[in-house]
Amino acid sequence: MNAYDGESLDPADWHAVEQLITADGTPVDNPELAGWVGDVTDYELADLYEDMVVIRRIDTEATALQRQGELALWPPLLGQEAAQVGSVRALRQDDFVFPSYRENGVAYCRGANVADMMAVWRGNTNSGWDPHGINVATPQIIIGAQTLHAVGYAMGITFDGTDSAAITYFGDGATSQGDVNEAMVFAASFQAPVVFFCQNNHWAISEPVGVQAHIPIAARAPGFGIPSRRVDGNDVLAVMAATRWALDRARRGGGPSYIEAVTYRMGPHTTADDPTRYRDPNELEDWAQRDPIERLGTLLETRGVLTEDRAAAVAAKADAVARELRAGVINRPDPGPLDVFANVYATPNAAVDRQRDRYARYLAGFGAGTETEGSLS
């Protein structure tokens, strides 16, 4: 077991991760961790496989759209599919997600429309989905700020007396931010039902994780009084098991938990980044051998679940989603000039209304008339 409770840290375990499926698709004998996913059938594993394949297709399509000038920017999640799918599929619908800007796989699994997921990256809206429609907050660009939001929401859950939970996603680089550490202080102090989910993808833009963390990131949490686990983030089943463990603690009143999912960012930080300037290509090759989709596919093929017909159906589903995404992006109407005033406040605001009226009269002076509304109003 590779859980940290703050009582002992064996240096020999600092580079170990908990697994249930090895990189070559072999099951791992880990009774304690496996107990959390004992009910998951091979056919449900195949559904997780489909999720990962579709999400990767979304990611590659979005990257292509950005390169073609249809999106202003895109933050790839290539290589991190298992970390996102395994964790989000452990949630209940009444749990609330507080993501960073890279959790597009999480948003897809929670039911976000794929075209809406692209809207903010096309630059024609402030968000892409109704947070309360799918219980996922809007993407957070400010590094680590979403952890504070998650803890505040989780404290509200406690006051409401329900057994739902909050989960917040962030990267290894965010763990050096004050917001993340302050969030853990509050979570521990008030025993908030929140899961801190760190996707350690080894790079905070061009800064390697080894510069900012000389012990496992998961080993930091016990210093705040928060138990943690360190799992193979490319093993979808191990990620699901760890997330279920953390959610169970939250629902039983055990307070916050921390998961470090050790994975790898196979692509650039965003499409504005060039990782070849700072990353050793040998490192990329090493991690390609640990691909999360291939390892699960190998296991399912061995068990006779991933047949040629099922694989073809999964590929067809991925292509269909990609077509829907592309059409939604290209055909999305641009916002009108007055849409900048929409949704500034949750309720009507006189000051904003006055500004909107003045701007409308200003536009009218150029002959713009009243056709100043776009898709957001």
Protein backbone atom coordinates (compact mmCIF):
# COMPACT_ATOMS: atom_id res chain seq x y z
CA MET A 1 0.00 0.00 0.00
CA ASN A 2 1.25 3.43 -0.87
CA ALA A 3 -0.92 5.67 1.30
CA TYR A 4 0.57 8.41 3.44
CA ASP A 5 -0.85 9.20 6.85
CA GLY A 6 1.94 11.45 8.10
CA GLU A 7 3.28 8.94 10.63
CA SER A 8 5.98 7.36 8.48
CA LEU A 9 7.55 7.99 5.13
CA ASP A 10 9.89 5.34 3.83
CA PRO A 11 12.34 6.86 1.30
CA ALA A 12 12.28 3.55 -0.55
CA ASP A 13 8.64 4.24 -1.46
CA TRP A 14 9.17 7.74 -2.80
CA HIS A 15 9.10 6.62 -6.42
CA ALA A 16 6.48 3.88 -6.02
CA VAL A 17 2.90 4.11 -7.23
CA GLU A 18 -0.12 1.92 -6.56
CA GLN A 19 -1.30 -0.07 -9.58
CA LEU A 20 -3.97 -2.52 -10.60
CA ILE A 21 -2.91 -2.80 -14.27
CA THR A 22 0.72 -2.66 -15.36
CA ALA A 23 1.97 -0.83 -18.43
CA ASP A 24 1.84 -4.07 -20.44
CA GLY A 25 -1.77 -4.78 -19.47
CA THR A 26 -1.12 -7.32 -16.71
CA PRO A 27 -3.35 -7.30 -13.60
CA VAL A 28 -1.60 -6.45 -10.32
CA ASP A 29 -2.26 -8.26 -7.04
CA ASN A 30 -3.20 -5.37 -4.76
CA PRO A 31 -6.08 -6.63 -2.58
CA GLU A 32 -6.61 -3.44 -0.57
CA LEU A 33 -6.82 -1.16 -3.61
CA ALA A 34 -8.70 -3.73 -5.70
CA GLY A 35 -11.36 -3.95 -3.00
CA TRP A 36 -12.58 -0.50 -3.98
CA VAL A 37 -13.36 -1.63 -7.54
CA GLY A 38 -14.37 -5.22 -6.96
CA ASP A 39 -17.77 -4.57 -8.54
CA VAL A 40 -16.36 -3.24 -11.83
CA THR A 41 -16.99 -5.78 -14.59
CA ASP A 42 -14.94 -6.26 -17.73
CA TYR A 43 -17.76 -4.70 -19.73
CA GLU A 44 -17.67 -1.62 -17.51
CA LEU A 45 -13.92 -1.51 -18.07
CA ALA A 46 -14.67 -1.51 -21.78
CA ASP A 47 -16.86 1.56 -21.23
CA LEU A 48 -13.91 3.28 -19.55
CA TYR A 49 -11.80 2.32 -22.55
CA GLU A 50 -14.36 3.94 -24.85
CA ASP A 51 -14.33 7.09 -22.73
CA MET A 52 -10.56 7.37 -23.07
CA VAL A 53 -10.56 6.76 -26.82
CA VAL A 54 -13.27 9.38 -27.39
CA ILE A 55 -11.53 11.90 -25.15
CA ARG A 56 -8.26 11.44 -26.99
CA ARG A 57 -10.12 11.98 -30.28
CA ILE A 58 -11.64 15.17 -28.88
CA ASP A 59 -8.19 16.33 -27.88
CA THR A 60 -6.56 15.65 -31.25
CA GLU A 61 -9.46 17.26 -33.10
CA ALA A 62 -9.30 20.36 -30.92
CA THR A 63 -5.54 20.59 -31.46
CA ALA A 64 -6.07 20.38 -35.22
CA LEU A 65 -8.76 23.07 -35.06
CA GLN A 66 -6.38 25.38 -33.23
CA ARG A 67 -3.64 24.78 -35.77
CA GLN A 68 -6.16 25.62 -38.50
CA GLY A 69 -7.08 28.92 -36.83
CA GLU A 70 -10.52 27.86 -35.61
CA LEU A 71 -9.56 27.97 -31.92
CA ALA A 72 -7.43 30.65 -30.32
CA LEU A 73 -5.74 28.23 -27.92
CA TRP A 74 -6.06 24.66 -26.66
CA PRO A 75 -4.62 22.89 -23.57
CA PRO A 76 -3.99 19.27 -24.64
CA LEU A 77 -4.63 16.41 -22.22
CA LEU A 78 -2.93 13.74 -24.35
CA GLY A 79 -1.64 11.00 -22.03
CA GLN A 80 -3.80 12.00 -19.07
CA GLU A 81 -7.00 10.25 -20.15
CA ALA A 82 -6.93 7.57 -17.44
CA ALA A 83 -6.45 10.07 -14.63
CA GLN A 84 -9.50 12.03 -15.74
CA VAL A 85 -11.78 9.14 -16.68
CA GLY A 86 -10.98 6.95 -13.68
CA SER A 87 -11.65 9.75 -11.23
CA VAL A 88 -14.75 11.31 -12.79
CA ARG A 89 -16.48 7.96 -13.28
CA ALA A 90 -16.18 7.37 -9.53
CA LEU A 91 -18.36 10.43 -8.80
CA ARG A 92 -22.07 10.63 -8.19
CA GLN A 93 -24.14 13.12 -10.13
CA ASP A 94 -24.69 15.26 -7.02
CA ASP A 95 -20.94 15.65 -6.44
CA PHE A 96 -19.46 18.92 -7.73
CA VAL A 97 -16.30 19.26 -9.80
CA PHE A 98 -13.91 22.21 -9.70
CA PRO A 99 -11.50 21.79 -12.63
CA SER A 100 -8.52 23.65 -13.98
CA TYR A 101 -8.39 24.37 -17.72
CA ARG A 102 -7.20 20.90 -18.78
CA GLU A 103 -10.06 18.73 -17.52
CA ASN A 104 -11.96 18.58 -20.79
CA GLY A 105 -12.18 14.82 -20.43
CA VAL A 106 -13.89 15.27 -17.08
CA ALA A 107 -16.35 17.75 -18.61
CA TYR A 108 -17.17 15.32 -21.44
CA CYS A 109 -17.86 12.47 -19.03
CA ARG A 110 -20.11 14.73 -16.94
CA GLY A 111 -22.24 15.44 -20.01
CA ALA A 112 -20.88 18.71 -21.39
CA ASN A 113 -21.71 19.34 -25.02
CA VAL A 114 -18.49 19.02 -26.99
CA ALA A 115 -19.10 22.17 -29.01
CA ASP A 116 -19.80 24.11 -25.81
CA MET A 117 -16.50 22.82 -24.41
CA MET A 118 -14.70 24.59 -27.26
CA ALA A 119 -16.50 27.95 -27.01
CA VAL A 120 -14.19 29.57 -24.48
CA TRP A 121 -11.14 28.48 -26.49
CA ARG A 122 -12.64 29.97 -29.64
CA GLY A 123 -12.87 33.22 -27.71
CA ASN A 124 -16.54 33.97 -28.16
CA THR A 125 -17.86 33.30 -24.65
CA ASN A 126 -16.74 33.48 -21.03
CA SER A 127 -17.65 29.84 -20.47
CA GLY A 128 -19.02 26.87 -22.33
CA TRP A 129 -21.60 25.18 -20.14
CA ASP A 130 -24.03 25.79 -17.30
CA PRO A 131 -22.12 24.74 -14.17
CA HIS A 132 -25.30 23.68 -12.39
CA GLY A 133 -26.46 21.65 -15.37
CA ILE A 134 -23.63 19.14 -15.08
CA ASN A 135 -22.22 20.04 -11.62
CA VAL A 136 -18.90 21.15 -13.08
CA ALA A 137 -17.58 24.65 -12.47
CA THR A 138 -16.27 26.64 -15.41
CA PRO A 139 -12.60 26.08 -16.35
CA GLN A 140 -10.26 27.94 -14.00
CA ILE A 141 -7.31 29.64 -15.67
CA ILE A 142 -5.82 31.12 -12.47
CA ILE A 143 -3.50 28.36 -11.26
CA GLY A 144 -4.84 26.67 -8.13
CA ALA A 145 -7.72 29.08 -7.44
CA GLN A 146 -10.30 26.32 -7.97
CA THR A 147 -9.07 24.48 -4.87
CA LEU A 148 -10.33 27.32 -2.67
CA HIS A 149 -13.69 27.26 -4.46
CA ALA A 150 -13.94 23.51 -3.92
CA VAL A 151 -13.25 23.75 -0.20
CA GLY A 152 -15.81 26.53 0.21
CA TYR A 153 -18.40 24.47 -1.64
CA ALA A 154 -17.54 21.40 0.45
CA MET A 155 -17.98 23.40 3.66
CA GLY A 156 -21.42 24.31 2.35
CA ILE A 157 -22.16 20.62 1.84
CA THR A 158 -21.39 20.06 5.51
CA PHE A 159 -23.75 22.85 6.53
CA ASP A 160 -26.46 21.37 4.30
CA GLY A 161 -26.05 17.98 5.98
CA THR A 162 -25.82 15.93 2.79
CA ASP A 163 -23.31 13.22 1.90
CA SER A 164 -22.24 14.58 -1.48
CA ALA A 165 -18.62 15.67 -2.05
CA ALA A 166 -16.52 18.10 -4.00
CA ILE A 167 -13.44 17.25 -6.06
CA THR A 168 -10.87 19.67 -7.41
CA TYR A 169 -8.31 19.01 -10.13
CA PHE A 170 -4.91 20.67 -10.46
CA GLY A 171 -1.45 19.95 -11.77
CA ASP A 172 1.90 19.42 -10.08
CA GLY A 173 2.87 23.03 -10.73
CA ALA A 174 -0.18 24.29 -8.83
CA THR A 175 1.02 22.61 -5.65
CA SER A 176 3.61 25.39 -5.32
CA GLN A 177 0.87 28.02 -5.34
CA GLY A 178 -0.37 29.56 -2.12
CA ASP A 179 -4.02 28.98 -3.03
CA VAL A 180 -3.61 25.19 -3.00
CA ASN A 181 -1.86 25.15 0.35
CA GLU A 182 -4.36 27.59 1.87
CA ALA A 183 -7.20 25.41 0.60
CA MET A 184 -5.72 22.39 2.34
CA VAL A 185 -5.44 24.33 5.61
CA PHE A 186 -9.14 25.21 5.48
CA ALA A 187 -10.16 21.72 4.35
CA ALA A 188 -8.31 20.06 7.22
CA SER A 189 -9.44 22.61 9.81
CA PHE A 190 -13.11 22.25 8.93
CA GLN A 191 -12.96 18.59 7.80
CA ALA A 192 -14.54 19.52 4.49
CA PRO A 193 -15.73 16.64 2.26
CA VAL A 194 -13.37 17.47 -0.62
CA VAL A 195 -10.96 15.42 -2.73
CA PHE A 196 -7.76 17.12 -3.86
CA PHE A 197 -6.82 15.44 -7.15
CA CYS A 198 -3.33 16.29 -8.40
CA GLN A 199 -2.47 15.19 -11.93
CA ASN A 200 1.30 15.07 -11.71
CA ASN A 201 2.10 15.25 -15.43
CA HIS A 202 5.77 16.03 -14.70
CA TRP A 203 5.84 19.50 -16.25
CA ALA A 204 4.63 22.89 -15.03
CA ILE A 205 4.98 24.39 -18.49
CA SER A 206 8.78 24.05 -18.85
CA GLU A 207 9.56 23.43 -15.16
CA PRO A 208 10.17 19.74 -14.36
CA VAL A 209 8.45 18.38 -11.27
CA GLY A 210 11.79 17.31 -9.78
CA VAL A 211 12.74 20.96 -9.27
CA GLN A 212 9.77 21.75 -7.06
CA ALA A 213 9.15 18.40 -5.38
CA HIS A 214 11.99 16.35 -3.90
CA ILE A 215 9.59 13.86 -2.30
CA PRO A 216 6.28 12.60 -3.66
CA ILE A 217 3.72 15.37 -3.91
CA ALA A 218 1.30 13.08 -2.09
CA ALA A 219 3.62 13.15 0.91
CA ARG A 220 2.96 16.85 1.42
CA ALA A 221 -0.71 16.48 2.29
CA PRO A 222 -0.24 14.68 5.65
CA GLY A 223 1.57 17.78 6.87
CA PHE A 224 -1.83 19.48 6.70
CA GLY A 225 -3.54 16.53 8.38
CA ILE A 226 -4.88 15.13 5.10
CA PRO A 227 -4.30 11.44 4.24
CA SER A 228 -3.18 10.79 0.69
CA ARG A 229 -2.48 8.14 -1.91
CA ARG A 230 -0.08 8.02 -4.83
CA VAL A 231 -1.37 6.01 -7.78
CA ASP A 232 -0.35 5.26 -11.34
CA GLY A 233 -2.27 7.96 -13.18
CA ASN A 234 -2.13 5.94 -16.41
CA ASP A 235 -3.96 3.04 -14.75
CA VAL A 236 -7.66 3.91 -15.03
CA LEU A 237 -8.75 1.22 -12.59
CA ALA A 238 -6.26 2.24 -9.89
CA VAL A 239 -7.35 5.86 -10.27
CA MET A 240 -10.99 4.89 -9.88
CA ALA A 241 -10.18 2.84 -6.79
CA ALA A 242 -8.25 5.66 -5.15
CA THR A 243 -11.01 8.16 -5.92
CA ARG A 244 -13.64 5.86 -4.46
CA TRP A 245 -11.51 5.55 -1.33
CA ALA A 246 -11.34 9.33 -1.01
CA LEU A 247 -15.06 9.82 -1.72
CA ASP A 248 -15.97 7.20 0.84
CA ARG A 249 -13.99 9.08 3.49
CA ALA A 250 -15.73 12.31 2.53
CA ARG A 251 -19.22 10.79 2.65
CA ARG A 252 -18.61 9.19 6.06
CA GLY A 253 -17.48 12.48 7.59
CA GLY A 254 -13.77 11.65 7.39
CA GLY A 255 -12.87 14.98 5.82
CA PRO A 256 -10.54 15.73 2.93
CA SER A 257 -8.28 13.34 1.06
CA TYR A 258 -5.49 13.87 -1.45
CA ILE A 259 -4.65 11.83 -4.54
CA GLU A 260 -1.50 12.19 -6.61
CA ALA A 261 -2.07 10.56 -10.00
CA VAL A 262 1.35 10.15 -11.58
CA THR A 263 0.93 10.59 -15.32
CA TYR A 264 2.61 12.44 -18.16
CA ARG A 265 1.74 15.30 -20.47
CA MET A 266 2.52 13.84 -23.87
CA GLY A 267 1.82 17.06 -25.76
CA PRO A 268 2.61 20.73 -25.14
CA HIS A 269 1.40 22.71 -22.13
CA THR A 270 -0.88 24.54 -24.55
CA THR A 271 -0.75 24.90 -28.31
CA ALA A 272 1.32 28.06 -27.73
CA ASP A 273 4.09 25.96 -26.18
CA ASP A 274 6.99 24.09 -27.82
CA PRO A 275 8.07 21.24 -25.49
CA THR A 276 10.94 20.23 -27.78
CA ARG A 277 12.82 23.25 -26.39
CA TYR A 278 12.98 21.81 -22.88
CA ARG A 279 12.01 18.12 -22.93
CA ASP A 280 14.28 15.17 -23.64
CA PRO A 281 12.70 13.13 -26.47
CA ASN A 282 13.85 9.94 -24.72
CA GLU A 283 11.58 10.81 -21.80
CA LEU A 284 8.65 11.10 -24.16
CA GLU A 285 9.46 7.70 -25.66
CA ASP A 286 9.65 6.11 -22.21
CA TRP A 287 6.24 7.41 -21.23
CA ALA A 288 4.72 6.39 -24.57
CA GLN A 289 5.33 2.80 -23.43
CA ARG A 290 2.99 3.46 -20.48
CA ASP A 291 0.07 4.67 -22.60
CA PRO A 292 -3.17 4.46 -20.59
CA ILE A 293 -5.35 3.42 -23.52
CA GLU A 294 -3.06 0.72 -24.85
CA ARG A 295 -2.62 -0.96 -21.48
CA LEU A 296 -6.35 -1.24 -20.85
CA GLY A 297 -6.93 -2.32 -24.44
CA THR A 298 -4.38 -5.11 -24.03
CA LEU A 299 -6.08 -6.34 -20.87
CA LEU A 300 -9.51 -6.29 -22.49
CA GLU A 301 -8.25 -8.09 -25.58
CA THR A 302 -6.72 -10.77 -23.38
CA ARG A 303 -10.08 -11.24 -21.66
CA GLY A 304 -11.94 -11.40 -24.96
CA VAL A 305 -13.96 -8.25 -24.31
CA LEU A 306 -12.36 -5.87 -26.79
CA THR A 307 -13.24 -7.69 -29.99
CA GLU A 308 -12.71 -6.32 -33.49
CA ASP A 309 -16.36 -5.33 -33.65
CA ARG A 310 -16.25 -3.52 -30.31
CA ALA A 311 -13.02 -1.73 -31.24
CA ALA A 312 -14.56 -0.63 -34.54
CA ALA A 313 -17.66 0.64 -32.73
CA VAL A 314 -15.50 2.64 -30.30
CA ALA A 315 -13.52 4.16 -33.17
CA ALA A 316 -16.76 5.07 -34.96
CA LYS A 317 -18.09 6.73 -31.80
CA ALA A 318 -14.89 8.76 -31.48
CA ASP A 319 -15.09 9.90 -35.10
CA ALA A 320 -18.75 10.88 -34.69
CA VAL A 321 -17.95 12.99 -31.62
CA ALA A 322 -15.08 14.64 -33.49
CA ARG A 323 -17.40 15.53 -36.39
CA GLU A 324 -19.91 17.01 -33.97
CA LEU A 325 -17.15 19.00 -32.29
CA ARG A 326 -15.77 20.38 -35.55
CA ALA A 327 -19.18 21.37 -36.87
CA GLY A 328 -20.08 23.00 -33.56
CA VAL A 329 -16.91 25.07 -33.52
CA ILE A 330 -16.97 26.23 -37.13
CA ASN A 331 -20.70 27.01 -37.17
CA ARG A 332 -20.85 28.68 -33.77
CA PRO A 333 -22.13 32.26 -34.18
CA ASP A 334 -19.97 35.11 -32.99
CA PRO A 335 -21.27 37.13 -30.05
CA GLY A 336 -22.73 40.58 -30.59
CA PRO A 337 -21.09 43.73 -29.20
CA LEU A 338 -23.62 44.02 -26.36
CA ASP A 339 -23.09 40.44 -25.22
CA VAL A 340 -20.10 41.63 -23.20
CA PHE A 341 -22.65 42.90 -20.66
CA ALA A 342 -24.49 39.56 -20.36
CA ASN A 343 -24.12 37.40 -17.27
CA VAL A 344 -21.83 39.83 -15.45
CA TYR A 345 -24.02 39.43 -12.38
CA ALA A 346 -26.49 36.70 -11.48
CA THR A 347 -29.25 39.30 -11.02
CA PRO A 348 -30.00 42.60 -12.81
CA ASN A 349 -27.54 45.36 -12.00
CA ALA A 350 -28.35 49.03 -12.58
CA ALA A 351 -24.74 50.09 -13.15
CA VAL A 352 -24.20 47.43 -15.82
CA ASP A 353 -27.54 48.30 -17.40
CA ARG A 354 -26.50 51.96 -17.67
CA GLN A 355 -23.19 51.00 -19.28
CA ARG A 356 -24.97 48.73 -21.72
CA ASP A 357 -27.41 51.50 -22.66
CA ARG A 358 -24.62 54.00 -23.22
CA TYR A 359 -22.65 51.57 -25.35
CA ALA A 360 -25.74 50.76 -27.42
CA ARG A 361 -26.27 54.47 -28.12
CA TYR A 362 -22.57 54.79 -28.97
CA LEU A 363 -22.84 51.97 -31.51
CA ALA A 364 -26.00 53.46 -32.93
CA GLY A 365 -23.99 56.57 -33.76
CA PHE A 366 -22.05 54.45 -36.25
CA GLY A 367 -25.21 53.19 -37.87
CA ALA A 368 -25.08 49.86 -36.05
CA GLY A 369 -28.79 50.05 -35.36
CA THR A 370 -30.23 47.51 -32.96
CA GLU A 371 -28.61 44.40 -34.42
CA THR A 372 -25.94 44.27 -31.76
CA GLU A 373 -26.99 41.06 -30.04
CA GLY A 374 -25.22 37.78 -30.62
CA SER A 375 -25.52 34.25 -29.37
CA LEU A 376 -25.17 34.93 -25.65
CA SER A 377 -28.22 37.11 -24.95
